[in-house]
């Protein structure tokens, strides 16, 4: 009975917005969301985006596009009812134009957002990006980190986006936005590419620690792996250890949620997967004087309107935009994850 009660409490924490007693000037909200193919309606001759045009198989048009932008704006506005997120990491965005359209939609207009984006080598043209509120976060630098597989030189995958900046409190943060190789073709067959991507990311993280041992690092993304898979747990060294921790080890804020039943960010054939995660360096948790979080701060956001009562699996699942070429009109096939940092 005691175990059941603990699980129910943790589940409640997982799906609820961070306590609202904290004044907004002492809050700093970081969100990641796989927005499921945010394409404009124009045909780009340099990428394989034909299906997301009015003439394509999906009959993607301005009405559907504007609805998706509005829905995404509603999600980001709703995540923290007291303020718009300071940082938004995104994946599955086609180009800078869709990002400009997004930050100009609905209540996101008030966020005064700026965009960090680089075109990647993905053949479909889908990228990762970071949005930041320039009144709350000062951009310092960024770079796009390519991932090239020595064992498969023909493979084209999304780059990792690195952004460095500082908050209004002059705290330096290092952000990484990821979208790793999917499991399409089989989890084991594709796993080496995610492991190699983790090696690439870990090298950059270590280079930051070499110059800044107490760096505040936040890694977010759709990793297409679970927290306990080798790529994240062993190679990236992201775990849920709270004692006797090596300063270079990372803490996965979604790790403990992964161990609960019916909790996740992506539903596949009725099984929840924790593919979308936020991972932090030890200093993000231990620095109690400045912006920090705790071990239970990793949160999945969902609202009823974002979900579909799926009769095939007997539960609510994310309401998708498309299933194949069939339009369902949902916001995304993933759920967003977020963390609210606070300052005492």
Protein backbone atom coordinates (compact mmCIF):
# COMPACT_ATOMS: atom_id res chain seq x y z
CA UNK A 1 0.00 0.00 0.00
CA UNK A 2 2.88 2.34 0.91
CA UNK A 3 4.57 1.61 -2.44
CA UNK A 4 1.33 2.30 -4.32
CA UNK A 5 0.92 5.63 -2.52
CA UNK A 6 4.48 6.64 -3.40
CA UNK A 7 3.92 5.81 -7.03
CA UNK A 8 0.71 7.81 -7.15
CA UNK A 9 2.45 10.82 -5.60
CA UNK A 10 5.32 10.64 -8.07
CA UNK A 11 2.91 10.25 -10.96
CA UNK A 12 1.09 13.38 -9.80
CA UNK A 13 4.36 15.27 -9.71
CA UNK A 14 5.20 14.05 -13.19
CA UNK A 15 2.07 15.50 -14.79
CA UNK A 16 1.58 18.69 -12.81
CA UNK A 17 3.09 22.11 -13.38
CA UNK A 18 5.82 23.17 -10.96
CA UNK A 19 4.43 24.80 -7.78
CA UNK A 20 3.29 28.33 -8.54
CA UNK A 21 4.31 30.00 -5.29
CA UNK A 22 7.66 31.03 -6.80
CA UNK A 23 7.62 34.59 -8.25
CA UNK A 24 8.12 34.63 -12.01
CA UNK A 25 11.38 36.59 -11.76
CA UNK A 26 12.80 33.64 -9.82
CA UNK A 27 11.64 31.02 -12.32
CA UNK A 28 13.35 29.87 -15.51
CA UNK A 29 11.38 27.36 -17.59
CA UNK A 30 13.06 25.03 -20.08
CA UNK A 31 10.93 22.96 -22.48
CA UNK A 32 11.67 20.34 -25.11
CA UNK A 33 9.11 19.17 -27.67
CA UNK A 34 9.21 16.89 -30.70
CA UNK A 35 6.60 18.73 -32.76
CA UNK A 36 6.01 15.98 -35.35
CA UNK A 37 6.90 17.28 -38.79
CA UNK A 38 6.44 21.03 -38.55
CA UNK A 39 6.67 21.74 -42.28
CA UNK A 40 5.60 24.78 -44.23
CA UNK A 41 3.52 24.23 -47.37
CA UNK A 42 6.21 25.16 -49.90
CA UNK A 43 8.24 22.64 -51.88
CA UNK A 44 11.98 22.80 -51.18
CA UNK A 45 13.84 21.35 -54.18
CA UNK A 46 16.84 20.49 -52.01
CA UNK A 47 14.99 18.23 -49.55
CA UNK A 48 12.49 15.38 -49.60
CA UNK A 49 9.52 17.42 -48.41
CA UNK A 50 7.11 16.78 -51.28
CA UNK A 51 4.55 14.97 -49.11
CA UNK A 52 4.11 18.12 -47.01
CA UNK A 53 2.79 20.26 -49.84
CA UNK A 54 -0.77 20.81 -51.10
CA UNK A 55 0.01 18.53 -54.06
CA UNK A 56 1.66 15.82 -51.94
CA UNK A 57 0.18 12.63 -50.55
CA UNK A 58 -0.71 14.32 -47.26
CA UNK A 59 -2.46 17.28 -48.91
CA UNK A 60 -0.69 19.58 -46.45
CA UNK A 61 -2.14 23.08 -46.81
CA UNK A 62 -2.24 26.49 -45.13
CA UNK A 63 -5.30 25.66 -43.03
CA UNK A 64 -3.65 22.58 -41.50
CA UNK A 65 -0.35 24.40 -41.08
CA UNK A 66 -1.90 27.35 -39.25
CA UNK A 67 -3.88 25.02 -36.99
CA UNK A 68 -0.70 23.21 -36.01
CA UNK A 69 1.07 26.49 -35.24
CA UNK A 70 -1.85 27.62 -33.09
CA UNK A 71 -1.96 24.31 -31.22
CA UNK A 72 1.77 24.41 -30.53
CA UNK A 73 1.49 27.98 -29.29
CA UNK A 74 -1.27 26.88 -26.91
CA UNK A 75 0.88 24.06 -25.53
CA UNK A 76 3.86 26.30 -24.81
CA UNK A 77 1.66 28.95 -23.22
CA UNK A 78 -0.02 26.35 -21.00
CA UNK A 79 3.05 24.52 -19.68
CA UNK A 80 3.75 27.09 -16.99
CA UNK A 81 0.62 29.15 -16.35
CA UNK A 82 2.62 31.99 -14.82
CA UNK A 83 5.07 32.67 -17.65
CA UNK A 84 6.12 31.66 -21.14
CA UNK A 85 9.14 29.35 -21.23
CA UNK A 86 12.49 31.11 -21.35
CA UNK A 87 13.98 28.28 -23.41
CA UNK A 88 12.23 26.01 -25.92
CA UNK A 89 14.10 23.18 -27.61
CA UNK A 90 12.45 21.70 -30.70
CA UNK A 91 12.94 18.86 -33.11
CA UNK A 92 11.28 17.96 -36.41
CA UNK A 93 11.16 21.54 -37.68
CA UNK A 94 11.73 22.06 -41.39
CA UNK A 95 13.46 25.42 -41.51
CA UNK A 96 13.81 28.87 -39.98
CA UNK A 97 10.61 30.06 -41.64
CA UNK A 98 8.40 27.71 -39.63
CA UNK A 99 10.13 28.91 -36.46
CA UNK A 100 9.46 32.53 -37.38
CA UNK A 101 5.82 31.65 -38.00
CA UNK A 102 5.61 29.82 -34.67
CA UNK A 103 6.95 32.65 -32.51
CA UNK A 104 4.54 35.01 -34.26
CA UNK A 105 1.51 32.86 -33.46
CA UNK A 106 -0.96 33.32 -30.61
CA UNK A 107 0.36 34.14 -27.18
CA UNK A 108 3.94 33.30 -28.15
CA UNK A 109 4.09 36.77 -29.71
CA UNK A 110 4.45 38.22 -26.22
CA UNK A 111 7.52 36.09 -25.55
CA UNK A 112 9.86 38.24 -27.64
CA UNK A 113 11.60 35.07 -28.82
CA UNK A 114 14.77 34.79 -30.87
CA UNK A 115 15.75 31.73 -32.90
CA UNK A 116 18.87 29.59 -33.02
CA UNK A 117 18.78 27.23 -35.98
CA UNK A 118 21.11 25.63 -38.51
CA UNK A 119 20.17 23.46 -41.47
CA UNK A 120 21.32 19.90 -40.93
CA UNK A 121 22.18 17.09 -43.31
CA UNK A 122 18.89 15.25 -42.82
CA UNK A 123 17.58 14.33 -46.27
CA UNK A 124 13.99 15.28 -45.33
CA UNK A 125 15.18 18.65 -44.11
CA UNK A 126 13.98 18.30 -40.52
CA UNK A 127 16.18 19.98 -37.93
CA UNK A 128 16.52 20.83 -34.27
CA UNK A 129 16.27 24.40 -33.00
CA UNK A 130 16.26 26.50 -29.85
CA UNK A 131 14.01 29.46 -29.06
CA UNK A 132 14.88 31.87 -26.27
CA UNK A 133 13.27 34.90 -24.71
CA UNK A 134 15.84 37.60 -25.32
CA UNK A 135 14.64 39.63 -22.34
CA UNK A 136 15.47 36.66 -20.07
CA UNK A 137 18.42 35.01 -21.79
CA UNK A 138 21.43 36.57 -23.50
CA UNK A 139 22.76 34.59 -26.43
CA UNK A 140 26.57 34.23 -26.46
CA UNK A 141 27.44 31.58 -29.04
CA UNK A 142 26.25 28.47 -30.81
CA UNK A 143 27.44 25.79 -33.16
CA UNK A 144 25.99 22.86 -35.01
CA UNK A 145 27.73 19.59 -34.14
CA UNK A 146 27.71 17.12 -37.05
CA UNK A 147 27.37 13.40 -36.45
CA UNK A 148 29.17 11.30 -39.07
CA UNK A 149 29.27 7.53 -38.72
CA UNK A 150 32.61 5.99 -39.71
CA UNK A 151 30.85 2.67 -40.29
CA UNK A 152 28.14 4.22 -42.50
CA UNK A 153 29.48 7.26 -44.32
CA UNK A 154 26.38 7.55 -46.52
CA UNK A 155 24.02 8.04 -43.58
CA UNK A 156 22.66 11.55 -43.05
CA UNK A 157 21.36 12.43 -39.58
CA UNK A 158 20.39 15.50 -37.64
CA UNK A 159 23.17 17.62 -36.15
CA UNK A 160 23.30 18.38 -32.43
CA UNK A 161 22.68 22.06 -31.67
CA UNK A 162 24.83 23.67 -28.97
CA UNK A 163 23.87 27.08 -27.54
CA UNK A 164 25.72 29.04 -24.87
CA UNK A 165 24.21 32.02 -23.09
CA UNK A 166 23.52 33.64 -19.77
CA UNK A 167 20.41 34.43 -17.80
CA UNK A 168 19.38 37.80 -16.46
CA UNK A 169 21.16 36.72 -13.27
CA UNK A 170 24.40 36.41 -15.30
CA UNK A 171 24.54 32.64 -14.94
CA UNK A 172 26.18 30.85 -17.85
CA UNK A 173 24.23 27.89 -19.25
CA UNK A 174 25.18 25.41 -21.97
CA UNK A 175 22.27 23.88 -23.89
CA UNK A 176 22.30 20.91 -26.26
CA UNK A 177 19.28 20.06 -28.44
CA UNK A 178 19.18 16.53 -29.86
CA UNK A 179 17.20 14.32 -32.21
CA UNK A 180 18.96 10.98 -32.44
CA UNK A 181 18.57 8.22 -35.03
CA UNK A 182 15.10 6.65 -34.91
CA UNK A 183 14.43 2.98 -34.21
CA UNK A 184 12.93 2.51 -37.66
CA UNK A 185 14.33 -0.77 -38.95
CA UNK A 186 14.70 -2.23 -35.48
CA UNK A 187 16.02 -1.07 -32.10
CA UNK A 188 19.10 -3.30 -32.10
CA UNK A 189 19.94 -2.64 -35.75
CA UNK A 190 19.89 1.14 -35.26
CA UNK A 191 21.40 1.21 -31.75
CA UNK A 192 25.04 1.61 -32.90
CA UNK A 193 24.15 4.98 -34.44
CA UNK A 194 22.64 6.26 -31.22
CA UNK A 195 25.66 5.00 -29.29
CA UNK A 196 27.99 6.79 -31.69
CA UNK A 197 25.93 9.98 -31.35
CA UNK A 198 26.25 9.70 -27.57
CA UNK A 199 30.04 9.40 -27.97
CA UNK A 200 30.05 12.55 -30.10
CA UNK A 201 27.98 14.48 -27.55
CA UNK A 202 30.00 13.21 -24.57
CA UNK A 203 33.23 14.48 -26.12
CA UNK A 204 31.81 18.00 -26.38
CA UNK A 205 30.43 17.84 -22.83
CA UNK A 206 33.85 16.76 -21.54
CA UNK A 207 35.51 19.62 -23.40
CA UNK A 208 33.25 22.06 -21.52
CA UNK A 209 34.04 20.40 -18.17
CA UNK A 210 37.77 20.63 -18.93
CA UNK A 211 37.53 24.43 -18.92
CA UNK A 212 34.57 24.83 -16.57
CA UNK A 213 34.41 21.94 -14.04
CA UNK A 214 31.16 23.26 -12.50
CA UNK A 215 29.45 24.10 -15.77
CA UNK A 216 25.67 24.28 -15.86
CA UNK A 217 24.74 22.03 -18.75
CA UNK A 218 21.23 21.11 -19.91
CA UNK A 219 20.86 18.40 -22.56
CA UNK A 220 17.43 17.88 -24.08
CA UNK A 221 16.01 15.94 -26.95
CA UNK A 222 14.24 13.03 -28.51
CA UNK A 223 16.93 10.42 -28.05
CA UNK A 224 14.94 7.48 -29.44
CA UNK A 225 16.38 5.52 -26.54
CA UNK A 226 15.21 4.96 -22.99
CA UNK A 227 17.13 6.33 -19.98
CA UNK A 228 18.47 2.85 -19.20
CA UNK A 229 19.77 2.13 -22.70
CA UNK A 230 23.53 2.02 -23.26
CA UNK A 231 23.73 5.24 -25.26
CA UNK A 232 22.36 7.39 -22.44
CA UNK A 233 23.22 5.48 -19.28
CA UNK A 234 26.70 4.18 -20.08
CA UNK A 235 28.11 6.33 -22.88
CA UNK A 236 26.64 9.74 -22.05
CA UNK A 237 26.88 8.84 -18.33
CA UNK A 238 23.41 10.17 -17.54
CA UNK A 239 21.82 8.33 -14.61
CA UNK A 240 19.79 8.82 -11.43
CA UNK A 241 22.55 8.58 -8.84
CA UNK A 242 22.17 10.98 -5.92
CA UNK A 243 25.10 9.90 -3.75
CA UNK A 244 28.83 9.37 -4.40
CA UNK A 245 28.47 10.98 -7.78
CA UNK A 246 31.38 11.83 -10.05
CA UNK A 247 31.15 15.59 -10.82
CA UNK A 248 31.19 14.78 -14.55
CA UNK A 249 28.27 12.40 -14.34
CA UNK A 250 24.96 13.79 -15.57
CA UNK A 251 21.55 13.44 -13.97
CA UNK A 252 18.62 12.34 -16.13
CA UNK A 253 15.54 14.10 -14.80
CA UNK A 254 13.27 11.59 -16.57
CA UNK A 255 15.07 8.47 -15.34
CA UNK A 256 12.84 7.67 -12.36
CA UNK A 257 9.67 8.40 -14.34
CA UNK A 258 10.81 5.78 -16.82
CA UNK A 259 10.49 3.14 -14.09
CA UNK A 260 6.77 3.82 -13.58
CA UNK A 261 3.97 2.06 -15.44
CA UNK A 262 1.96 3.98 -18.05
CA UNK A 263 4.35 6.94 -18.00
CA UNK A 264 6.16 8.18 -21.07
CA UNK A 265 6.35 10.71 -23.87
CA UNK A 266 5.65 8.45 -26.86
CA UNK A 267 3.21 5.57 -27.16
CA UNK A 268 4.02 2.69 -29.51
CA UNK A 269 1.41 -0.05 -29.85
CA UNK A 270 0.06 0.71 -26.39
CA UNK A 271 3.47 0.79 -24.70
CA UNK A 272 4.81 4.04 -23.31
CA UNK A 273 8.40 4.98 -24.11
CA UNK A 274 10.45 7.69 -22.37
CA UNK A 275 12.21 8.88 -25.50
CA UNK A 276 12.11 12.62 -24.74
CA UNK A 277 14.32 13.62 -21.85
CA UNK A 278 16.05 16.49 -20.07
CA UNK A 279 19.48 15.78 -18.62
CA UNK A 280 21.44 18.16 -16.41
CA UNK A 281 24.91 18.52 -14.95
CA UNK A 282 25.36 18.18 -11.19
CA UNK A 283 25.73 21.95 -10.72
CA UNK A 284 22.18 22.55 -12.00
CA UNK A 285 20.94 20.59 -8.97
CA UNK A 286 23.54 21.51 -6.34
CA UNK A 287 23.66 25.29 -6.83
CA UNK A 288 21.00 26.31 -4.33
CA UNK A 289 21.85 30.02 -4.45
CA UNK A 290 21.11 30.43 -8.15
CA UNK A 291 18.80 28.83 -10.70
CA UNK A 292 18.55 25.15 -9.88
CA UNK A 293 16.18 22.19 -9.89
CA UNK A 294 15.76 19.08 -7.76
CA UNK A 295 15.80 15.37 -8.56
CA UNK A 296 12.04 15.28 -9.19
CA UNK A 297 11.84 18.35 -11.42
CA UNK A 298 11.63 16.54 -14.76
CA UNK A 299 8.03 16.84 -15.91
CA UNK A 300 5.87 15.57 -18.76
CA UNK A 301 3.15 17.94 -19.88
CA UNK A 302 -0.20 16.80 -21.21
CA UNK A 303 -3.75 18.11 -21.37
CA UNK A 304 -6.90 16.28 -22.43
CA UNK A 305 -7.23 18.19 -25.68
CA UNK A 306 -3.77 16.94 -26.72
CA UNK A 307 -4.77 13.31 -26.26
CA UNK A 308 -6.76 10.66 -28.11
CA UNK A 309 -8.83 7.97 -26.41
CA UNK A 310 -7.36 5.13 -28.42
CA UNK A 311 -9.75 2.14 -28.52
CA UNK A 312 -7.06 -0.13 -29.95
CA UNK A 313 -4.94 0.08 -26.81
CA UNK A 314 -7.59 1.14 -24.28
CA UNK A 315 -5.88 4.31 -23.08
CA UNK A 316 -5.16 7.93 -23.88
CA UNK A 317 -2.29 8.50 -26.29
CA UNK A 318 -0.92 11.67 -27.92
CA UNK A 319 -3.24 12.84 -30.68
CA UNK A 320 -1.08 12.71 -33.80
CA UNK A 321 -1.14 15.11 -36.74
CA UNK A 322 -0.86 12.31 -39.27
CA UNK A 323 -1.03 8.54 -39.31
CA UNK A 324 0.60 7.68 -42.62
CA UNK A 325 -1.20 9.91 -45.12
CA UNK A 326 -4.36 10.17 -43.00
CA UNK A 327 -4.85 13.54 -41.33
CA UNK A 328 -5.98 13.41 -37.69
CA UNK A 329 -5.33 17.03 -36.78
CA UNK A 330 -3.56 16.40 -33.48
CA UNK A 331 -0.72 18.55 -32.23
CA UNK A 332 2.06 15.91 -32.10
CA UNK A 333 2.76 12.20 -31.63
CA UNK A 334 5.03 13.07 -28.67
CA UNK A 335 4.44 14.84 -25.36
CA UNK A 336 6.68 17.72 -24.29
CA UNK A 337 8.98 17.57 -21.28
CA UNK A 338 10.05 20.51 -19.15
CA UNK A 339 11.84 21.64 -16.04
CA UNK A 340 11.35 24.84 -14.04
CA UNK A 341 14.54 26.12 -12.53
CA UNK A 342 14.08 28.38 -9.53
CA UNK A 343 16.11 30.82 -7.53
CA UNK A 344 15.58 31.18 -3.79
